[in-house]
Protein backbone atom coordinates (compact mmCIF):
# COMPACT_ATOMS: atom_id res chain seq x y z
CA MET A 1 50.88 177.34 155.15
CA ILE A 2 49.03 176.49 151.96
CA ASP A 3 51.74 173.95 151.09
CA ARG A 4 51.18 172.33 154.46
CA ILE A 5 47.40 172.18 153.88
CA GLU A 6 47.94 170.50 150.51
CA ALA A 7 50.31 167.98 152.01
CA ILE A 8 47.76 167.12 154.75
CA GLU A 9 45.05 166.79 152.10
CA GLN A 10 47.18 164.42 150.01
CA GLN A 11 48.06 162.26 153.02
CA ALA A 12 44.43 162.13 154.16
CA SER A 13 43.17 161.18 150.69
CA SER A 14 45.66 158.32 150.51
CA ALA A 15 44.60 157.11 153.96
CA VAL A 16 40.94 157.24 153.00
CA GLU A 17 41.51 155.09 149.91
CA ALA A 18 43.63 152.63 151.89
CA ALA A 19 40.94 152.08 154.53
CA GLN A 20 39.45 148.58 154.14
CA THR A 21 36.87 148.62 156.92
CA SER A 22 34.44 151.06 158.45
CA ASP A 23 36.48 151.10 161.66
CA ALA A 24 39.66 151.96 159.76
CA LEU A 25 37.84 154.73 157.91
CA GLU A 26 36.60 156.15 161.22
CA GLN A 27 40.18 156.25 162.49
CA VAL A 28 41.21 158.24 159.38
CA ARG A 29 38.37 160.69 160.01
CA VAL A 30 39.45 161.23 163.60
CA GLN A 31 43.11 161.53 162.59
CA TYR A 32 42.54 164.22 159.97
CA LEU A 33 39.27 165.89 160.98
CA GLY A 34 39.12 165.30 164.74
CA ARG A 35 39.35 168.14 167.30
CA LYS A 36 43.10 167.68 167.72
CA ALA A 37 43.90 167.08 164.05
CA ASP A 38 46.17 169.42 162.05
CA LEU A 39 43.58 170.67 159.57
CA PRO A 40 41.00 171.83 162.16
CA ASN A 41 43.83 173.46 164.15
CA ILE A 42 44.90 175.40 161.06
CA LEU A 43 41.33 176.63 160.61
CA ARG A 44 41.14 177.69 164.24
CA GLY A 45 44.47 179.52 163.91
CA VAL A 46 43.58 181.54 160.80
CA ALA A 47 42.72 184.58 162.94
CA GLU A 48 46.29 184.67 164.25
CA LEU A 49 47.84 184.91 160.75
CA PRO A 50 48.84 188.18 159.13
CA PRO A 51 45.85 189.89 157.50
CA GLU A 52 47.19 189.35 153.98
CA GLN A 53 47.33 185.51 154.51
CA ARG A 54 44.04 184.93 156.31
CA GLY A 55 41.77 184.85 153.24
CA ALA A 56 43.87 182.50 151.11
CA VAL A 57 44.71 180.11 153.96
CA GLY A 58 41.13 179.98 155.29
CA LYS A 59 39.69 179.36 151.86
CA ARG A 60 42.19 176.60 151.04
CA ALA A 61 41.75 174.91 154.43
CA ASN A 62 37.94 174.89 154.05
CA GLN A 63 38.26 173.40 150.56
CA ALA A 64 40.51 170.66 151.87
CA ARG A 65 38.14 169.90 154.76
CA LYS A 66 35.09 169.64 152.45
CA GLN A 67 36.92 167.49 149.91
CA LEU A 68 38.14 165.20 152.66
CA GLU A 69 34.67 164.87 154.15
CA ALA A 70 33.27 164.03 150.71
CA ALA A 71 36.00 161.44 150.12
CA ILE A 72 35.28 159.80 153.48
CA GLU A 73 31.55 159.67 152.70
CA ARG A 74 32.15 158.08 149.30
CA ARG A 75 34.57 155.55 150.74
CA GLY A 76 32.14 154.74 153.54
CA ALA A 77 29.32 154.06 151.07
CA ALA A 78 31.60 151.81 149.02
CA LEU A 79 32.68 149.85 152.10
CA GLU A 80 29.05 149.40 153.24
CA ALA A 81 28.06 148.13 149.80
CA ALA A 82 30.96 145.67 149.75
CA GLU A 83 30.09 144.47 153.26
CA LEU A 84 26.46 143.95 152.24
CA GLU A 85 27.54 141.90 149.23
CA ARG A 86 29.76 139.73 151.45
CA ARG A 87 26.90 139.18 153.93
CA LEU A 88 24.45 138.30 151.17
CA ALA A 89 26.91 135.79 149.75
CA SER A 90 27.70 134.20 153.11
CA ASP A 91 24.10 134.21 154.37
CA ALA A 92 22.51 132.92 151.15
CA ILE A 93 19.88 130.22 151.68
CA ASP A 94 19.61 127.32 149.27
CA VAL A 95 15.84 127.22 148.79
CA THR A 96 16.14 123.82 147.09
CA LEU A 97 17.20 122.18 150.37
CA PRO A 98 14.50 120.32 152.32
CA GLY A 99 12.98 122.11 155.31
CA ASP A 100 14.16 121.47 158.83
CA PRO A 101 12.29 119.72 160.24
CA PRO A 102 11.19 118.12 156.97
CA GLN A 103 7.63 119.04 155.98
CA PRO A 104 5.21 116.45 154.61
CA VAL A 105 4.69 116.40 150.86
CA GLY A 106 1.56 118.30 149.79
CA ARG A 107 -1.47 116.55 148.37
CA LEU A 108 -4.63 117.32 146.48
CA HIS A 109 -7.66 118.43 148.45
CA VAL A 110 -10.10 115.53 148.72
CA LEU A 111 -12.66 117.42 146.60
CA THR A 112 -10.13 118.02 143.83
CA GLN A 113 -9.01 114.42 144.07
CA THR A 114 -12.60 113.13 143.84
CA ARG A 115 -13.42 115.46 140.93
CA ARG A 116 -10.42 114.20 138.97
CA GLU A 117 -11.35 110.58 139.67
CA ILE A 118 -14.86 111.22 138.33
CA GLU A 119 -13.48 112.99 135.26
CA ASP A 120 -11.08 110.12 134.56
CA VAL A 121 -13.91 107.59 134.68
CA PHE A 122 -16.07 109.47 132.18
CA LEU A 123 -13.15 110.30 129.91
CA GLY A 124 -12.57 106.57 129.73
CA LEU A 125 -16.22 106.13 128.70
CA GLY A 126 -15.82 108.57 125.79
CA PHE A 127 -17.16 111.75 127.38
CA SER A 128 -15.52 115.17 127.08
CA VAL A 129 -15.09 117.60 129.97
CA LEU A 130 -16.59 121.10 129.67
CA GLU A 131 -16.77 124.06 132.03
CA GLY A 132 -19.25 126.93 132.10
CA PRO A 133 -19.92 130.29 133.77
CA GLU A 134 -20.82 130.37 137.46
CA VAL A 135 -22.87 133.56 136.98
CA GLU A 136 -25.68 132.48 134.70
CA SER A 137 -28.80 133.90 133.06
CA VAL A 138 -32.24 132.81 134.22
CA ARG A 139 -32.88 131.58 130.67
CA TYR A 140 -30.08 129.01 130.76
CA ASN A 141 -30.45 128.15 134.46
CA PHE A 142 -34.24 127.69 134.49
CA ASP A 143 -36.22 128.55 131.34
CA ALA A 144 -34.40 126.40 128.79
CA LEU A 145 -34.31 123.53 131.29
CA ASN A 146 -38.10 123.29 131.46
CA HIS A 147 -38.53 124.83 134.93
CA SER A 148 -42.08 126.13 135.33
CA PRO A 149 -42.50 129.82 136.24
CA THR A 150 -43.65 128.77 139.74
CA HIS A 151 -40.87 126.24 140.42
CA PRO A 152 -39.60 126.70 144.02
CA ALA A 153 -35.96 126.85 142.86
CA ARG A 154 -36.71 130.19 141.20
CA GLY A 155 -37.48 131.77 144.57
CA ARG A 156 -35.00 134.15 146.18
CA SER A 157 -35.21 132.00 149.30
CA ASP A 158 -33.58 129.14 147.35
CA THR A 159 -31.33 130.88 144.81
CA PHE A 160 -28.78 133.70 144.89
CA TYR A 161 -29.85 136.44 142.44
CA VAL A 162 -27.28 138.86 141.01
CA ALA A 163 -29.99 140.72 139.07
CA ASP A 164 -33.61 140.01 138.16
CA ASP A 165 -32.52 137.80 135.25
CA VAL A 166 -29.05 136.75 136.47
CA VAL A 167 -28.27 134.17 139.17
CA LEU A 168 -25.39 132.25 140.67
CA ARG A 169 -26.01 128.96 138.93
CA THR A 170 -27.85 126.40 141.05
CA HIS A 171 -26.48 123.47 139.02
CA THR A 172 -24.09 122.91 136.13
CA SER A 173 -27.08 121.88 133.96
CA PRO A 174 -27.15 125.22 132.05
CA MET A 175 -24.15 123.91 130.14
CA GLN A 176 -26.43 121.24 128.65
CA ILE A 177 -28.05 123.96 126.57
CA ARG A 178 -24.81 125.81 125.87
CA ALA A 179 -23.11 122.59 124.75
CA MET A 180 -25.95 121.65 122.42
CA GLU A 181 -25.98 125.16 120.95
CA ALA A 182 -22.25 124.86 120.27
CA GLN A 183 -22.17 121.32 118.83
CA PRO A 184 -24.64 119.17 116.88
CA PRO A 185 -25.29 115.56 117.99
CA PRO A 186 -23.85 113.13 118.87
CA LEU A 187 -22.82 114.79 122.14
CA TYR A 188 -21.25 113.16 125.21
CA VAL A 189 -20.05 115.60 127.86
CA ILE A 190 -19.67 116.04 131.59
CA ILE A 191 -19.60 119.46 133.24
CA PRO A 192 -17.92 119.77 136.66
CA GLY A 193 -17.92 123.02 138.62
CA ARG A 194 -19.10 125.12 141.56
CA VAL A 195 -22.78 125.77 142.13
CA TYR A 196 -24.67 127.85 144.69
CA ARG A 197 -27.84 127.35 146.72
CA ARG A 198 -29.21 128.81 149.95
CA ASP A 199 -28.56 125.71 152.08
CA SER A 200 -26.29 125.22 155.08
CA ASP A 201 -26.23 122.15 157.33
CA ALA A 202 -24.25 118.93 157.82
CA THR A 203 -25.12 117.69 154.33
CA HIS A 204 -25.53 121.01 152.46
CA THR A 205 -23.36 124.10 151.97
CA PRO A 206 -24.18 127.38 150.16
CA GLN A 207 -21.37 126.61 147.72
CA PHE A 208 -20.70 123.07 146.56
CA HIS A 209 -19.47 121.17 143.53
CA GLN A 210 -21.43 119.23 140.98
CA VAL A 211 -20.78 117.09 137.93
CA GLU A 212 -23.45 117.19 135.24
CA GLY A 213 -23.49 114.58 132.50
CA LEU A 214 -25.23 114.69 129.13
CA ALA A 215 -25.37 112.18 126.28
CA VAL A 216 -27.47 112.84 123.16
CA ASP A 217 -27.47 110.55 120.14
CA ARG A 218 -29.80 108.38 118.08
CA GLY A 219 -31.35 105.39 119.81
CA ILE A 220 -30.25 106.18 123.38
CA THR A 221 -32.40 104.53 126.05
CA LEU A 222 -32.67 104.35 129.83
CA ALA A 223 -30.64 101.12 129.65
CA ASP A 224 -27.68 103.15 128.33
CA LEU A 225 -28.00 105.47 131.31
CA LYS A 226 -28.04 102.58 133.77
CA GLY A 227 -25.06 100.89 132.12
CA THR A 228 -23.05 104.12 132.15
CA LEU A 229 -23.77 104.77 135.84
CA LEU A 230 -23.03 101.13 136.71
CA ASP A 231 -19.56 101.46 135.18
CA PHE A 232 -19.07 104.75 137.02
CA SER A 233 -20.17 103.31 140.37
CA ARG A 234 -17.92 100.28 140.08
CA ALA A 235 -14.93 102.47 139.14
CA ILE A 236 -15.47 104.79 142.12
CA PHE A 237 -16.87 102.52 144.84
CA GLY A 238 -15.64 99.04 143.92
CA ALA A 239 -15.98 96.40 141.25
CA ASP A 240 -18.80 94.49 142.99
CA ARG A 241 -21.21 97.44 143.27
CA GLU A 242 -24.70 97.36 141.79
CA VAL A 243 -27.04 100.27 140.97
CA ARG A 244 -30.79 100.65 141.09
CA LEU A 245 -33.08 103.30 139.61
CA ARG A 246 -36.08 104.70 141.49
CA PRO A 247 -38.79 106.89 139.92
CA HIS A 248 -38.47 110.59 140.70
CA PHE A 249 -39.14 113.99 139.14
CA PHE A 250 -36.78 116.59 137.66
CA PRO A 251 -38.01 119.39 135.35
CA PHE A 252 -35.50 118.68 132.61
CA THR A 253 -35.74 114.87 132.41
CA GLU A 254 -38.66 112.55 131.63
CA PRO A 255 -38.71 109.90 132.93
CA SER A 256 -36.59 110.91 135.93
CA VAL A 257 -34.87 108.59 138.40
CA GLU A 258 -32.91 108.64 141.61
CA VAL A 259 -29.85 106.40 141.42
CA ASP A 260 -28.64 104.27 144.33
CA VAL A 261 -25.47 102.22 144.68
CA SER A 262 -25.30 99.08 146.78
CA CYS A 263 -23.87 99.90 150.21
CA PHE A 264 -20.17 99.15 150.41
CA ASN A 265 -20.12 99.50 154.20
CA CYS A 266 -22.60 96.66 154.70
CA ALA A 267 -20.69 94.52 152.22
CA ARG A 268 -17.63 94.41 154.46
CA ASP A 269 -19.12 92.06 157.05
CA GLY A 270 -22.62 91.37 155.73
CA SER A 271 -24.38 93.25 158.52
CA PRO A 272 -26.47 96.46 158.14
CA CYS A 273 -24.69 99.78 158.75
CA GLN A 274 -25.74 103.22 159.93
CA VAL A 275 -24.77 104.85 156.63
CA CYS A 276 -27.53 103.13 154.64
CA LYS A 277 -29.69 102.59 157.75
CA GLY A 278 -29.97 98.93 156.95
CA SER A 279 -31.48 99.42 153.50
CA GLY A 280 -28.39 98.16 151.69
CA TRP A 281 -28.48 101.11 149.24
CA LEU A 282 -26.91 104.60 149.13
CA GLU A 283 -28.37 107.42 147.05
CA ILE A 284 -25.66 108.97 144.87
CA LEU A 285 -27.30 111.09 142.15
CA GLY A 286 -30.34 112.08 140.11
CA ALA A 287 -30.76 111.31 136.42
CA GLY A 288 -33.22 110.65 133.61
CA MET A 289 -33.91 110.88 129.92
CA VAL A 290 -33.65 114.40 128.51
CA ASP A 291 -37.11 115.94 128.34
CA PRO A 292 -38.22 116.62 124.72
CA ASN A 293 -39.07 120.19 125.81
CA VAL A 294 -35.39 120.75 126.58
CA LEU A 295 -34.37 119.46 123.17
CA GLY A 296 -37.00 121.76 121.68
CA HIS A 297 -35.01 124.78 122.84
CA VAL A 298 -32.10 123.69 120.63
CA ARG A 299 -34.06 122.12 117.76
CA GLU A 300 -32.47 124.54 115.27
CA HIS A 301 -29.03 123.23 116.28
CA GLY A 302 -29.84 119.68 115.14
CA TYR A 303 -31.58 118.35 118.26
CA ASP A 304 -34.97 117.36 116.90
CA PRO A 305 -36.65 115.35 119.71
CA GLU A 306 -38.25 113.13 117.04
CA GLU A 307 -34.83 112.03 115.82
CA VAL A 308 -32.43 112.09 118.81
CA GLN A 309 -32.71 111.13 122.45
CA GLY A 310 -30.44 111.54 125.41
CA PHE A 311 -29.87 111.06 129.10
CA ALA A 312 -28.60 113.44 131.75
CA PHE A 313 -27.42 113.04 135.31
CA GLY A 314 -26.08 115.25 138.09
CA MET A 315 -24.09 114.38 141.20
CA GLY A 316 -22.57 116.32 144.06
CA ILE A 317 -18.82 115.85 144.35
CA GLU A 318 -19.05 116.43 148.09
CA ARG A 319 -21.57 113.60 148.42
CA ILE A 320 -19.43 111.19 146.42
CA ALA A 321 -16.40 112.10 148.54
CA ALA A 322 -18.38 111.82 151.79
CA LEU A 323 -19.69 108.36 150.88
CA LYS A 324 -16.36 107.08 149.60
CA TYR A 325 -14.25 108.35 152.51
CA GLY A 326 -16.81 108.21 155.33
CA ILE A 327 -17.02 111.95 155.97
CA PRO A 328 -19.97 112.60 158.32
CA ASP A 329 -20.18 116.41 157.90
CA ILE A 330 -19.25 117.95 154.54
CA ARG A 331 -18.66 121.34 156.19
CA THR A 332 -15.32 119.97 157.40
CA LEU A 333 -14.19 119.98 153.76
CA TYR A 334 -14.20 123.80 153.82
CA GLN A 335 -12.73 124.48 157.27
CA ASN A 336 -9.11 123.98 156.12
CA ASP A 337 -8.22 121.89 159.18
CA VAL A 338 -5.09 120.01 158.07
CA ARG A 339 -5.89 117.24 160.53
CA VAL A 340 -8.90 116.46 158.36
CA LEU A 341 -7.39 117.15 154.95
CA GLU A 342 -4.17 115.18 155.45
CA GLN A 343 -6.17 111.98 156.03
CA PHE A 344 -6.84 111.79 152.30
CA GLY A 345 -4.64 111.61 149.26
């Protein structure tokens, strides 16, 4: 009887190894371990054997059954792994193929595009591009920029405070001081970046983007400022643009000016437009000569107001983009509506 069990075990093992599919392996299991198979029948018939044979035959038959079950399990796992490999190979997707239907090529967001255009213009004029922290100290954001202790911008109704002496910067102007502390004159830099103010309407958002410009050298005058901004305006808005300066007030410049560019909408047909309301001019930025009090904060770094002068300006990237591309509500720039965004670029 034991010889018969060993013969069944050998045949079953060979059949298990020969099985090439899960279905074939299942047939082997039924053939050798099913209810009508020889090995289970031997186990059921152990009680009918002579007492001296029951122990040896039962033990050997159980060993054969367990070894066969283990062999079937191993073979099944191997077949499943091989089948998975075949499916992965046949179902592989070439991610380098174009989509179906083809998707449009991506483009820069209009704000990123406008920022890079502005940077390119000033790089061509000899300026360097700097970046600074968006969480700023009150000293750099207000004190060193000649803001009086009672200036409205210091109020919590206008500015986001992180702590009593720490704010989300309201402009990129704090980098004027940081740049002068880091480098003696001459200095020609622009500072683009995000800024934060408590405003929200069609022309203001709590977060927006600004480009600050600073030039400090010997003999710089307001004429240098106007010439620089004229070149900028013509590069951004068209070669026939003109600029004008209007008196204004900013804490960190003296004298201070608002800068307008001649309206490019009116110029198309010679008639007044709604953008400039018939004035023929569009306000684009604020500027002025660096206040000597600001230079006084960095006197020890080589910025003696008796020896060097400078000009500064600041513009909103959203405003430049809105004027250039005719965007009536800058909030649409942040709503991620592809119907709006895909019009540009």
